[in-house]
Amino acid sequence: MTYVVTESCIKCKYTDCVEVCPVDCFYEGENMLMINPEECIDCGVCEPECPIEAIQPDTKEGMEKWVAINAEFSKIWPNITRKKEAYPDADNWAKVKNKYPSEFNPEKG
């Protein structure tokens, strides 16, 4: 099992989760984060830190797509280990559904 970041993170990018990760497996894109599934040790400490529930276990139904997306982008985005400011207007974006792929930005953070 691993944890993955889902589309809820897009244009929110709260980073509370990165500071608690004992293996630093988060990676930063322009408008969201990813978890490297190969580095994640399945401890789960990041999941409750996300205020918008964007972090989910891969065992949850429909997560196969997000495991693949996290694996792909965590290999090309820079590692993030410290909390930063959330995305501008994050609180409003947190309420938006179906942000992937239209709002997703594949650029590095």
N, C-alpha and C. Protein backbone atom coordinates (compact mmCIF):
# COMPACT_ATOMS: atom_id res chain seq x y z
N MET A 1 0.83 -1.18 0.00
CA MET A 1 0.00 0.00 0.00
C MET A 1 0.88 1.25 0.00
N THR A 2 0.34 2.31 -0.58
CA THR A 2 0.98 3.61 -0.58
C THR A 2 -0.10 4.67 -0.48
N TYR A 3 0.30 5.87 -0.25
CA TYR A 3 -0.63 7.00 -0.27
C TYR A 3 -0.34 7.81 -1.51
N VAL A 4 -1.37 8.49 -2.04
CA VAL A 4 -1.23 9.31 -3.22
C VAL A 4 -1.97 10.63 -3.03
N VAL A 5 -1.55 11.63 -3.78
CA VAL A 5 -2.23 12.91 -3.78
C VAL A 5 -3.21 12.90 -4.96
N THR A 6 -4.42 13.35 -4.72
CA THR A 6 -5.47 13.34 -5.73
C THR A 6 -5.78 14.75 -6.22
N GLU A 7 -6.73 14.84 -7.13
CA GLU A 7 -7.04 16.12 -7.78
C GLU A 7 -7.51 17.21 -6.84
N SER A 8 -7.95 16.88 -5.65
CA SER A 8 -8.36 17.91 -4.69
C SER A 8 -7.23 18.89 -4.41
N CYS A 9 -6.00 18.45 -4.54
CA CYS A 9 -4.83 19.28 -4.26
C CYS A 9 -4.59 20.35 -5.33
N ILE A 10 -5.12 20.14 -6.51
CA ILE A 10 -4.87 21.06 -7.62
C ILE A 10 -5.36 22.46 -7.26
N LYS A 11 -4.47 23.43 -7.39
CA LYS A 11 -4.69 24.84 -7.09
C LYS A 11 -4.99 25.11 -5.62
N CYS A 12 -4.65 24.15 -4.76
CA CYS A 12 -4.72 24.36 -3.32
C CYS A 12 -3.31 24.28 -2.76
N LYS A 13 -2.70 23.13 -2.96
CA LYS A 13 -1.30 22.88 -2.60
C LYS A 13 -0.99 23.29 -1.16
N TYR A 14 -1.82 22.82 -0.24
CA TYR A 14 -1.49 22.98 1.17
C TYR A 14 -0.30 22.06 1.44
N THR A 15 0.65 22.49 2.20
CA THR A 15 1.86 21.70 2.39
C THR A 15 2.06 21.22 3.83
N ASP A 16 1.00 21.19 4.60
CA ASP A 16 1.08 20.70 5.97
C ASP A 16 1.62 19.26 5.99
N CYS A 17 1.30 18.51 4.98
CA CYS A 17 1.65 17.09 4.89
C CYS A 17 3.16 16.86 4.76
N VAL A 18 3.85 17.75 4.09
CA VAL A 18 5.27 17.49 3.80
C VAL A 18 6.15 17.53 5.05
N GLU A 19 5.77 18.34 6.02
CA GLU A 19 6.59 18.45 7.23
C GLU A 19 6.53 17.22 8.12
N VAL A 20 5.46 16.44 8.02
CA VAL A 20 5.33 15.26 8.88
C VAL A 20 5.85 13.99 8.23
N CYS A 21 6.15 14.04 6.96
CA CYS A 21 6.60 12.85 6.24
C CYS A 21 8.01 12.44 6.69
N PRO A 22 8.15 11.23 7.25
CA PRO A 22 9.46 10.82 7.75
C PRO A 22 10.46 10.43 6.66
N VAL A 23 9.99 10.24 5.42
CA VAL A 23 10.89 9.84 4.34
C VAL A 23 10.97 10.86 3.20
N ASP A 24 10.37 12.02 3.39
CA ASP A 24 10.44 13.10 2.40
C ASP A 24 10.08 12.64 0.99
N CYS A 25 8.90 12.04 0.85
CA CYS A 25 8.51 11.50 -0.45
C CYS A 25 7.53 12.39 -1.22
N PHE A 26 7.43 13.67 -0.84
CA PHE A 26 6.56 14.61 -1.56
C PHE A 26 7.36 15.39 -2.60
N TYR A 27 6.68 15.69 -3.71
CA TYR A 27 7.29 16.41 -4.81
C TYR A 27 6.34 17.53 -5.24
N GLU A 28 6.94 18.66 -5.64
CA GLU A 28 6.16 19.87 -5.86
C GLU A 28 6.04 20.25 -7.33
N GLY A 29 4.78 20.36 -7.76
CA GLY A 29 4.49 20.90 -9.07
C GLY A 29 4.04 22.34 -8.95
N GLU A 30 3.79 22.97 -10.06
CA GLU A 30 3.37 24.36 -10.07
C GLU A 30 2.10 24.58 -9.24
N ASN A 31 1.14 23.66 -9.34
CA ASN A 31 -0.10 23.89 -8.61
C ASN A 31 -0.63 22.70 -7.81
N MET A 32 0.23 21.72 -7.55
CA MET A 32 -0.15 20.61 -6.66
C MET A 32 1.09 19.84 -6.23
N LEU A 33 0.89 18.90 -5.33
CA LEU A 33 1.96 18.03 -4.85
C LEU A 33 1.73 16.62 -5.36
N MET A 34 2.77 15.80 -5.30
CA MET A 34 2.68 14.37 -5.59
C MET A 34 3.48 13.61 -4.54
N ILE A 35 3.12 12.35 -4.35
CA ILE A 35 3.88 11.44 -3.49
C ILE A 35 4.52 10.40 -4.39
N ASN A 36 5.79 10.13 -4.18
CA ASN A 36 6.44 9.06 -4.93
C ASN A 36 6.03 7.74 -4.29
N PRO A 37 5.22 6.92 -4.99
CA PRO A 37 4.73 5.67 -4.41
C PRO A 37 5.84 4.67 -4.06
N GLU A 38 6.98 4.79 -4.72
CA GLU A 38 8.10 3.88 -4.43
C GLU A 38 8.84 4.28 -3.16
N GLU A 39 8.72 5.53 -2.75
CA GLU A 39 9.38 6.01 -1.55
C GLU A 39 8.48 6.01 -0.32
N CYS A 40 7.18 6.08 -0.53
CA CYS A 40 6.22 6.12 0.56
C CYS A 40 6.30 4.83 1.37
N ILE A 41 6.36 4.96 2.71
CA ILE A 41 6.44 3.78 3.58
C ILE A 41 5.10 3.43 4.20
N ASP A 42 4.05 4.03 3.71
CA ASP A 42 2.68 3.70 4.13
C ASP A 42 2.40 3.98 5.60
N CYS A 43 3.08 4.94 6.17
CA CYS A 43 2.87 5.24 7.59
C CYS A 43 1.55 5.97 7.83
N GLY A 44 1.08 6.73 6.84
CA GLY A 44 -0.20 7.40 6.95
C GLY A 44 -0.21 8.70 7.73
N VAL A 45 0.93 9.18 8.19
CA VAL A 45 0.92 10.40 9.00
C VAL A 45 0.54 11.64 8.18
N CYS A 46 0.72 11.60 6.88
CA CYS A 46 0.39 12.74 6.03
C CYS A 46 -1.11 12.90 5.81
N GLU A 47 -1.83 11.81 5.77
CA GLU A 47 -3.25 11.84 5.41
C GLU A 47 -4.08 12.78 6.29
N PRO A 48 -4.00 12.69 7.62
CA PRO A 48 -4.82 13.59 8.44
C PRO A 48 -4.34 15.05 8.43
N GLU A 49 -3.14 15.30 7.94
CA GLU A 49 -2.62 16.67 7.89
C GLU A 49 -3.21 17.49 6.75
N CYS A 50 -3.76 16.82 5.74
CA CYS A 50 -4.31 17.53 4.59
C CYS A 50 -5.71 18.05 4.94
N PRO A 51 -5.89 19.38 4.93
CA PRO A 51 -7.19 19.95 5.31
C PRO A 51 -8.30 19.71 4.29
N ILE A 52 -7.96 19.23 3.10
CA ILE A 52 -8.98 19.02 2.08
C ILE A 52 -9.10 17.55 1.66
N GLU A 53 -8.45 16.67 2.42
CA GLU A 53 -8.51 15.22 2.17
C GLU A 53 -8.05 14.84 0.77
N ALA A 54 -7.00 15.50 0.30
CA ALA A 54 -6.45 15.21 -1.03
C ALA A 54 -5.55 13.98 -1.02
N ILE A 55 -5.11 13.55 0.16
CA ILE A 55 -4.23 12.38 0.26
C ILE A 55 -5.07 11.16 0.60
N GLN A 56 -4.94 10.14 -0.24
CA GLN A 56 -5.76 8.93 -0.09
C GLN A 56 -4.89 7.69 -0.18
N PRO A 57 -5.30 6.60 0.48
CA PRO A 57 -4.57 5.33 0.32
C PRO A 57 -4.86 4.74 -1.05
N ASP A 58 -3.88 4.06 -1.61
CA ASP A 58 -4.07 3.48 -2.94
C ASP A 58 -5.07 2.33 -2.94
N THR A 59 -5.46 1.86 -1.78
CA THR A 59 -6.43 0.77 -1.68
C THR A 59 -7.87 1.25 -1.88
N LYS A 60 -8.07 2.53 -1.85
CA LYS A 60 -9.40 3.10 -2.06
C LYS A 60 -9.77 2.95 -3.53
N GLU A 61 -11.02 2.68 -3.81
CA GLU A 61 -11.48 2.47 -5.18
C GLU A 61 -11.17 3.68 -6.08
N GLY A 62 -10.66 3.40 -7.27
CA GLY A 62 -10.38 4.44 -8.26
C GLY A 62 -9.02 5.11 -8.13
N MET A 63 -8.20 4.62 -7.25
CA MET A 63 -6.91 5.27 -7.03
C MET A 63 -5.81 4.83 -7.99
N GLU A 64 -6.05 3.83 -8.81
CA GLU A 64 -5.03 3.33 -9.74
C GLU A 64 -4.51 4.46 -10.63
N LYS A 65 -5.43 5.29 -11.12
CA LYS A 65 -5.05 6.42 -11.98
C LYS A 65 -4.12 7.37 -11.22
N TRP A 66 -4.42 7.63 -9.95
CA TRP A 66 -3.62 8.57 -9.18
C TRP A 66 -2.28 7.99 -8.76
N VAL A 67 -2.21 6.69 -8.59
CA VAL A 67 -0.91 6.06 -8.33
C VAL A 67 0.01 6.29 -9.53
N ALA A 68 -0.52 6.10 -10.73
CA ALA A 68 0.28 6.29 -11.95
C ALA A 68 0.68 7.75 -12.13
N ILE A 69 -0.23 8.68 -11.89
CA ILE A 69 0.07 10.10 -12.04
C ILE A 69 1.12 10.54 -11.01
N ASN A 70 0.95 10.10 -9.75
CA ASN A 70 1.94 10.44 -8.72
C ASN A 70 3.30 9.86 -9.07
N ALA A 71 3.34 8.63 -9.55
CA ALA A 71 4.61 7.99 -9.91
C ALA A 71 5.30 8.77 -11.04
N GLU A 72 4.53 9.17 -12.04
CA GLU A 72 5.10 9.88 -13.19
C GLU A 72 5.69 11.23 -12.79
N PHE A 73 4.93 12.05 -12.12
CA PHE A 73 5.37 13.42 -11.84
C PHE A 73 6.34 13.51 -10.67
N SER A 74 6.29 12.59 -9.74
CA SER A 74 7.25 12.63 -8.64
C SER A 74 8.67 12.34 -9.12
N LYS A 75 8.79 11.76 -10.29
CA LYS A 75 10.12 11.49 -10.85
C LYS A 75 10.73 12.71 -11.53
N ILE A 76 9.91 13.69 -11.87
CA ILE A 76 10.43 14.86 -12.59
C ILE A 76 10.30 16.17 -11.82
N TRP A 77 9.48 16.20 -10.79
CA TRP A 77 9.32 17.41 -9.98
C TRP A 77 10.32 17.41 -8.84
N PRO A 78 10.66 18.59 -8.32
CA PRO A 78 11.60 18.68 -7.19
C PRO A 78 10.97 18.23 -5.88
N ASN A 79 11.80 17.68 -5.03
CA ASN A 79 11.40 17.25 -3.70
C ASN A 79 11.06 18.46 -2.83
N ILE A 80 10.04 18.32 -2.00
CA ILE A 80 9.67 19.38 -1.06
C ILE A 80 9.62 18.78 0.34
N THR A 81 10.27 19.44 1.29
CA THR A 81 10.33 18.90 2.66
C THR A 81 9.88 19.90 3.72
N ARG A 82 9.59 21.12 3.31
CA ARG A 82 9.17 22.14 4.27
C ARG A 82 7.86 22.78 3.84
N LYS A 83 7.10 23.18 4.82
CA LYS A 83 5.82 23.82 4.57
C LYS A 83 6.03 25.17 3.89
N LYS A 84 5.16 25.46 2.93
CA LYS A 84 5.16 26.73 2.22
C LYS A 84 3.74 27.30 2.25
N GLU A 85 3.61 28.49 1.75
CA GLU A 85 2.28 29.08 1.62
C GLU A 85 1.45 28.26 0.64
N ALA A 86 0.16 28.17 0.90
CA ALA A 86 -0.75 27.47 0.00
C ALA A 86 -0.89 28.27 -1.30
N TYR A 87 -1.47 27.64 -2.28
CA TYR A 87 -1.72 28.27 -3.57
C TYR A 87 -2.63 29.48 -3.36
N PRO A 88 -2.43 30.58 -4.11
CA PRO A 88 -3.32 31.73 -3.96
C PRO A 88 -4.78 31.31 -4.18
N ASP A 89 -5.65 31.77 -3.33
CA ASP A 89 -7.08 31.47 -3.43
C ASP A 89 -7.38 29.98 -3.18
N ALA A 90 -6.52 29.32 -2.43
CA ALA A 90 -6.65 27.88 -2.17
C ALA A 90 -7.98 27.51 -1.54
N ASP A 91 -8.45 28.31 -0.60
CA ASP A 91 -9.70 27.97 0.08
C ASP A 91 -10.88 27.90 -0.89
N ASN A 92 -10.90 28.77 -1.87
CA ASN A 92 -11.97 28.72 -2.88
C ASN A 92 -11.79 27.53 -3.82
N TRP A 93 -10.54 27.25 -4.21
CA TRP A 93 -10.28 26.12 -5.11
C TRP A 93 -10.57 24.78 -4.43
N ALA A 94 -10.46 24.73 -3.12
CA ALA A 94 -10.71 23.48 -2.39
C ALA A 94 -12.14 22.98 -2.59
N LYS A 95 -13.04 23.85 -2.90
CA LYS A 95 -14.45 23.50 -3.08
C LYS A 95 -14.78 23.04 -4.50
N VAL A 96 -13.86 23.25 -5.43
CA VAL A 96 -14.09 22.92 -6.84
C VAL A 96 -13.87 21.43 -7.07
N LYS A 97 -14.76 20.80 -7.79
CA LYS A 97 -14.65 19.38 -8.14
C LYS A 97 -14.18 19.24 -9.59
N ASN A 98 -13.72 18.05 -9.94
CA ASN A 98 -13.33 17.73 -11.33
C ASN A 98 -12.31 18.72 -11.90
N LYS A 99 -11.21 18.91 -11.19
CA LYS A 99 -10.17 19.84 -11.63
C LYS A 99 -9.15 19.19 -12.55
N TYR A 100 -9.13 17.87 -12.62
CA TYR A 100 -8.17 17.17 -13.46
C TYR A 100 -8.87 16.70 -14.72
N PRO A 101 -8.34 16.92 -15.89
CA PRO A 101 -7.04 17.50 -16.20
C PRO A 101 -7.07 19.00 -16.50
N SER A 102 -8.26 19.61 -16.53
CA SER A 102 -8.36 21.00 -17.01
C SER A 102 -7.54 22.01 -16.21
N GLU A 103 -7.43 21.85 -14.90
CA GLU A 103 -6.70 22.81 -14.07
C GLU A 103 -5.30 22.34 -13.68
N PHE A 104 -4.96 21.12 -14.05
CA PHE A 104 -3.66 20.56 -13.69
C PHE A 104 -2.55 21.20 -14.51
N ASN A 105 -1.46 21.58 -13.83
CA ASN A 105 -0.30 22.15 -14.52
C ASN A 105 0.88 21.19 -14.31
N PRO A 106 1.41 20.58 -15.39
CA PRO A 106 2.48 19.62 -15.26
C PRO A 106 3.87 20.24 -14.99
N GLU A 107 3.95 21.57 -14.93
CA GLU A 107 5.24 22.22 -14.72
C GLU A 107 5.73 22.01 -13.30
N LYS A 108 7.04 22.06 -13.13
CA LYS A 108 7.68 21.92 -11.81
C LYS A 108 7.30 23.08 -10.92
N GLY A 109 7.33 22.81 -9.62
CA GLY A 109 7.03 23.86 -8.64
C GLY A 109 8.22 24.73 -8.38
